[in-house]
Amino acid sequence: MPEITYGRWSPTEVMERVLDGTWVAASPPPPLAVEYLVIAGGGGGGSLIGGGGGAGGYRSSVIGESSGGGASAESVWTPTLSTNYTITVGAGGAGGISIGGGADG
């Protein structure tokens, strides 16, 4: 039986090994466990006589780190293989341009 080798293979290399009978399908990889850190932008401050902006957010699943507000770390995220996920990156709220307040973050 051929030895299982791990690594990166081009589609051509895989096809050559499948056709010559030396490709060995390994067992599925172990589940992924993703540690994450999210820093959220705060609300925008007011202009002229307006107050300061609101604080941003902090969420962490990194072992040994606390999450926002001193809470315990979040659970690690376990994504499903072969599934696409969307990550949205945004900004904090814009500051006010008149006597009114700033925007939400």
N, C-alpha and C. Protein backbone atom coordinates (compact mmCIF):
# COMPACT_ATOMS: atom_id res chain seq x y z
N MET A 1 0.86 -1.18 0.00
CA MET A 1 0.00 0.00 0.00
C MET A 1 0.90 1.24 0.00
N PRO A 2 0.60 2.23 -0.82
CA PRO A 2 1.42 3.45 -0.87
C PRO A 2 1.34 4.21 0.46
N GLU A 3 2.41 4.90 0.76
CA GLU A 3 2.47 5.69 1.97
C GLU A 3 1.67 6.98 1.78
N ILE A 4 0.96 7.41 2.83
CA ILE A 4 0.19 8.65 2.76
C ILE A 4 1.16 9.80 2.98
N THR A 5 1.12 10.77 2.08
CA THR A 5 1.97 11.94 2.18
C THR A 5 1.08 13.17 2.22
N TYR A 6 1.36 14.03 3.20
CA TYR A 6 0.60 15.26 3.32
C TYR A 6 1.37 16.40 2.67
N GLY A 7 0.67 17.38 2.20
CA GLY A 7 1.32 18.53 1.61
C GLY A 7 0.39 19.23 0.65
N ARG A 8 0.97 20.05 -0.19
CA ARG A 8 0.21 20.79 -1.20
C ARG A 8 0.48 20.14 -2.55
N TRP A 9 -0.59 19.88 -3.27
CA TRP A 9 -0.48 19.19 -4.56
C TRP A 9 -1.22 20.01 -5.61
N SER A 10 -0.63 20.11 -6.76
CA SER A 10 -1.33 20.77 -7.86
C SER A 10 -2.37 19.80 -8.42
N PRO A 11 -3.39 20.31 -9.11
CA PRO A 11 -4.37 19.40 -9.72
C PRO A 11 -3.72 18.40 -10.67
N THR A 12 -2.68 18.82 -11.38
CA THR A 12 -1.98 17.92 -12.29
C THR A 12 -1.32 16.78 -11.53
N GLU A 13 -0.65 17.11 -10.42
CA GLU A 13 0.00 16.07 -9.61
C GLU A 13 -1.01 15.07 -9.05
N VAL A 14 -2.14 15.59 -8.60
CA VAL A 14 -3.18 14.69 -8.07
C VAL A 14 -3.67 13.76 -9.17
N MET A 15 -3.97 14.30 -10.35
CA MET A 15 -4.49 13.47 -11.44
C MET A 15 -3.47 12.42 -11.86
N GLU A 16 -2.19 12.78 -11.93
CA GLU A 16 -1.16 11.81 -12.30
C GLU A 16 -1.13 10.66 -11.30
N ARG A 17 -1.25 10.98 -10.02
CA ARG A 17 -1.19 9.93 -8.99
C ARG A 17 -2.47 9.09 -8.95
N VAL A 18 -3.60 9.70 -9.24
CA VAL A 18 -4.85 8.94 -9.31
C VAL A 18 -4.77 7.96 -10.47
N LEU A 19 -4.29 8.43 -11.63
CA LEU A 19 -4.23 7.58 -12.82
C LEU A 19 -3.22 6.46 -12.68
N ASP A 20 -2.10 6.69 -11.98
CA ASP A 20 -1.12 5.59 -11.85
C ASP A 20 -1.36 4.75 -10.60
N GLY A 21 -2.42 5.04 -9.83
CA GLY A 21 -2.79 4.21 -8.70
C GLY A 21 -2.01 4.47 -7.42
N THR A 22 -1.23 5.56 -7.37
CA THR A 22 -0.45 5.82 -6.17
C THR A 22 -1.08 6.85 -5.25
N TRP A 23 -2.24 7.40 -5.64
CA TRP A 23 -2.92 8.37 -4.79
C TRP A 23 -3.69 7.64 -3.71
N VAL A 24 -3.47 8.03 -2.46
CA VAL A 24 -4.16 7.43 -1.33
C VAL A 24 -5.00 8.51 -0.67
N ALA A 25 -6.28 8.26 -0.59
CA ALA A 25 -7.16 9.23 0.06
C ALA A 25 -6.99 9.11 1.57
N ALA A 26 -6.56 10.17 2.20
CA ALA A 26 -6.38 10.17 3.65
C ALA A 26 -7.72 10.37 4.33
N SER A 27 -7.75 10.08 5.60
CA SER A 27 -8.98 10.32 6.35
C SER A 27 -9.23 11.83 6.38
N PRO A 28 -10.47 12.24 6.62
CA PRO A 28 -10.76 13.67 6.62
C PRO A 28 -9.92 14.39 7.68
N PRO A 29 -9.58 15.63 7.41
CA PRO A 29 -8.80 16.38 8.40
C PRO A 29 -9.62 16.63 9.66
N PRO A 30 -8.94 16.87 10.77
CA PRO A 30 -9.70 17.16 12.00
C PRO A 30 -10.46 18.47 11.84
N PRO A 31 -11.50 18.68 12.64
CA PRO A 31 -12.26 19.92 12.53
C PRO A 31 -11.37 21.14 12.81
N LEU A 32 -11.65 22.21 12.12
CA LEU A 32 -10.92 23.45 12.35
C LEU A 32 -11.44 24.11 13.62
N ALA A 33 -10.56 24.71 14.37
CA ALA A 33 -10.94 25.50 15.53
C ALA A 33 -10.25 26.84 15.36
N VAL A 34 -11.03 27.88 15.08
CA VAL A 34 -10.48 29.19 14.75
C VAL A 34 -10.61 30.12 15.95
N GLU A 35 -9.46 30.62 16.42
CA GLU A 35 -9.48 31.68 17.42
C GLU A 35 -9.60 33.01 16.68
N TYR A 36 -10.34 33.94 17.22
CA TYR A 36 -10.54 35.20 16.51
C TYR A 36 -10.46 36.38 17.47
N LEU A 37 -10.18 37.53 16.91
CA LEU A 37 -10.16 38.80 17.63
C LEU A 37 -10.86 39.82 16.76
N VAL A 38 -11.90 40.47 17.29
CA VAL A 38 -12.67 41.46 16.54
C VAL A 38 -12.61 42.78 17.30
N ILE A 39 -12.18 43.81 16.61
CA ILE A 39 -12.17 45.16 17.18
C ILE A 39 -13.20 45.97 16.41
N ALA A 40 -14.20 46.50 17.09
CA ALA A 40 -15.27 47.25 16.43
C ALA A 40 -15.06 48.74 16.64
N GLY A 41 -15.32 49.52 15.59
CA GLY A 41 -15.20 50.97 15.68
C GLY A 41 -16.31 51.56 16.54
N GLY A 42 -16.01 52.63 17.24
CA GLY A 42 -17.00 53.28 18.10
C GLY A 42 -17.85 54.27 17.34
N GLY A 43 -18.80 54.85 18.04
CA GLY A 43 -19.66 55.87 17.45
C GLY A 43 -18.92 57.18 17.29
N GLY A 44 -19.33 57.95 16.32
CA GLY A 44 -18.68 59.23 16.05
C GLY A 44 -19.05 60.27 17.10
N GLY A 45 -18.11 61.14 17.42
CA GLY A 45 -18.35 62.21 18.38
C GLY A 45 -19.14 63.35 17.76
N GLY A 46 -19.79 64.12 18.60
CA GLY A 46 -20.54 65.27 18.12
C GLY A 46 -19.61 66.43 17.78
N SER A 47 -20.13 67.38 17.07
CA SER A 47 -19.36 68.56 16.68
C SER A 47 -19.73 69.72 17.61
N LEU A 48 -18.90 70.73 17.65
CA LEU A 48 -19.11 71.93 18.45
C LEU A 48 -19.39 71.59 19.90
N ILE A 49 -20.64 71.57 20.31
CA ILE A 49 -20.95 71.33 21.72
C ILE A 49 -21.38 69.87 21.97
N GLY A 50 -21.20 69.00 20.97
CA GLY A 50 -21.59 67.60 21.12
C GLY A 50 -20.61 66.84 21.99
N GLY A 51 -21.04 65.74 22.49
CA GLY A 51 -20.20 64.90 23.35
C GLY A 51 -19.28 64.01 22.54
N GLY A 52 -18.49 63.24 23.25
CA GLY A 52 -17.56 62.31 22.62
C GLY A 52 -18.28 61.10 22.05
N GLY A 53 -17.59 60.39 21.22
CA GLY A 53 -18.17 59.19 20.60
C GLY A 53 -18.23 58.03 21.56
N GLY A 54 -19.07 57.08 21.22
CA GLY A 54 -19.19 55.88 22.05
C GLY A 54 -18.01 54.94 21.84
N ALA A 55 -17.79 54.11 22.81
CA ALA A 55 -16.68 53.15 22.73
C ALA A 55 -16.95 52.10 21.66
N GLY A 56 -15.91 51.55 21.12
CA GLY A 56 -16.04 50.45 20.16
C GLY A 56 -16.25 49.14 20.91
N GLY A 57 -16.11 48.06 20.22
CA GLY A 57 -16.30 46.76 20.83
C GLY A 57 -15.05 45.92 20.72
N TYR A 58 -14.98 44.89 21.55
CA TYR A 58 -13.83 43.99 21.58
C TYR A 58 -14.35 42.60 21.88
N ARG A 59 -14.16 41.68 20.95
CA ARG A 59 -14.56 40.28 21.17
C ARG A 59 -13.36 39.41 20.86
N SER A 60 -13.07 38.47 21.72
CA SER A 60 -11.90 37.62 21.53
C SER A 60 -12.21 36.19 21.96
N SER A 61 -11.71 35.26 21.17
CA SER A 61 -11.79 33.85 21.58
C SER A 61 -10.39 33.31 21.84
N VAL A 62 -9.39 34.20 21.86
CA VAL A 62 -8.01 33.78 22.06
C VAL A 62 -7.84 33.30 23.49
N ILE A 63 -7.33 32.10 23.63
CA ILE A 63 -7.16 31.50 24.95
C ILE A 63 -6.24 32.39 25.80
N GLY A 64 -6.68 32.69 27.01
CA GLY A 64 -5.91 33.53 27.91
C GLY A 64 -6.28 35.00 27.82
N GLU A 65 -7.09 35.39 26.84
CA GLU A 65 -7.53 36.77 26.70
C GLU A 65 -8.96 36.88 27.19
N SER A 66 -9.32 38.05 27.70
CA SER A 66 -10.73 38.28 28.03
C SER A 66 -11.41 38.88 26.81
N SER A 67 -12.72 38.87 26.83
CA SER A 67 -13.49 39.47 25.75
C SER A 67 -13.93 40.86 26.21
N GLY A 68 -14.80 41.51 25.46
CA GLY A 68 -15.23 42.86 25.79
C GLY A 68 -15.87 42.96 27.16
N GLY A 69 -15.63 44.07 27.83
CA GLY A 69 -16.22 44.31 29.15
C GLY A 69 -15.67 43.41 30.23
N GLY A 70 -14.53 42.77 29.97
CA GLY A 70 -13.92 41.88 30.96
C GLY A 70 -14.54 40.50 31.00
N ALA A 71 -15.42 40.19 30.05
CA ALA A 71 -16.05 38.86 30.02
C ALA A 71 -15.02 37.80 29.66
N SER A 72 -15.31 36.57 29.96
CA SER A 72 -14.43 35.47 29.58
C SER A 72 -14.33 35.39 28.07
N ALA A 73 -13.27 34.75 27.60
CA ALA A 73 -13.07 34.58 26.16
C ALA A 73 -14.27 33.86 25.54
N GLU A 74 -14.59 34.23 24.31
CA GLU A 74 -15.65 33.56 23.56
C GLU A 74 -15.20 32.14 23.22
N SER A 75 -16.12 31.31 22.78
CA SER A 75 -15.76 29.98 22.29
C SER A 75 -15.06 30.12 20.94
N VAL A 76 -14.15 29.20 20.65
CA VAL A 76 -13.53 29.21 19.32
C VAL A 76 -14.62 28.93 18.30
N TRP A 77 -14.38 29.37 17.07
CA TRP A 77 -15.34 29.18 15.99
C TRP A 77 -14.94 27.93 15.22
N THR A 78 -15.90 27.05 14.96
CA THR A 78 -15.64 25.82 14.23
C THR A 78 -16.39 25.88 12.89
N PRO A 79 -15.70 26.36 11.84
CA PRO A 79 -16.37 26.46 10.53
C PRO A 79 -16.57 25.09 9.92
N THR A 80 -17.51 25.00 9.00
CA THR A 80 -17.77 23.77 8.27
C THR A 80 -16.94 23.78 6.99
N LEU A 81 -16.25 22.68 6.73
CA LEU A 81 -15.44 22.59 5.53
C LEU A 81 -16.31 22.75 4.29
N SER A 82 -15.73 23.29 3.24
CA SER A 82 -16.39 23.50 1.94
C SER A 82 -17.58 24.45 2.03
N THR A 83 -17.57 25.34 3.01
CA THR A 83 -18.63 26.34 3.15
C THR A 83 -17.99 27.72 3.04
N ASN A 84 -18.60 28.59 2.25
CA ASN A 84 -18.10 29.96 2.12
C ASN A 84 -18.70 30.81 3.22
N TYR A 85 -17.87 31.68 3.80
CA TYR A 85 -18.32 32.59 4.84
C TYR A 85 -18.00 34.02 4.41
N THR A 86 -18.86 34.95 4.79
CA THR A 86 -18.64 36.35 4.48
C THR A 86 -18.12 37.07 5.71
N ILE A 87 -17.07 37.85 5.54
CA ILE A 87 -16.54 38.67 6.61
C ILE A 87 -16.71 40.12 6.16
N THR A 88 -17.38 40.90 6.97
CA THR A 88 -17.63 42.31 6.63
C THR A 88 -16.73 43.19 7.47
N VAL A 89 -16.03 44.08 6.82
CA VAL A 89 -15.16 45.03 7.51
C VAL A 89 -15.75 46.41 7.33
N GLY A 90 -15.99 47.10 8.42
CA GLY A 90 -16.57 48.43 8.35
C GLY A 90 -15.77 49.40 9.20
N ALA A 91 -16.25 50.61 9.26
CA ALA A 91 -15.57 51.65 10.03
C ALA A 91 -16.42 52.07 11.21
N GLY A 92 -15.84 52.85 12.09
CA GLY A 92 -16.60 53.46 13.17
C GLY A 92 -17.49 54.55 12.62
N GLY A 93 -18.31 55.11 13.48
CA GLY A 93 -19.23 56.17 13.05
C GLY A 93 -18.50 57.46 12.74
N ALA A 94 -19.03 58.20 11.81
CA ALA A 94 -18.45 59.49 11.44
C ALA A 94 -18.78 60.54 12.50
N GLY A 95 -17.89 61.48 12.68
CA GLY A 95 -18.13 62.56 13.63
C GLY A 95 -19.19 63.52 13.10
N GLY A 96 -19.82 64.25 14.00
CA GLY A 96 -20.84 65.22 13.61
C GLY A 96 -20.24 66.43 12.90
N ILE A 97 -21.02 67.05 12.04
CA ILE A 97 -20.52 68.22 11.30
C ILE A 97 -21.26 69.49 11.68
N SER A 98 -22.20 69.39 12.57
CA SER A 98 -22.93 70.58 13.04
C SER A 98 -23.23 70.37 14.52
N ILE A 99 -24.21 71.06 15.03
CA ILE A 99 -24.53 70.92 16.45
C ILE A 99 -25.02 69.51 16.78
N GLY A 100 -25.53 68.78 15.80
CA GLY A 100 -26.04 67.44 16.04
C GLY A 100 -24.93 66.46 16.40
N GLY A 101 -25.33 65.28 16.76
CA GLY A 101 -24.39 64.26 17.17
C GLY A 101 -23.77 63.52 16.00
N GLY A 102 -22.84 62.63 16.32
CA GLY A 102 -22.18 61.81 15.32
C GLY A 102 -23.03 60.60 14.97
N ALA A 103 -22.48 59.78 14.07
CA ALA A 103 -23.18 58.59 13.59
C ALA A 103 -22.85 57.37 14.44
N ASP A 104 -23.72 56.38 14.38
CA ASP A 104 -23.47 55.12 15.07
C ASP A 104 -22.27 54.42 14.44
N GLY A 105 -21.57 53.63 15.24
CA GLY A 105 -20.44 52.85 14.73
C GLY A 105 -20.89 51.56 14.15
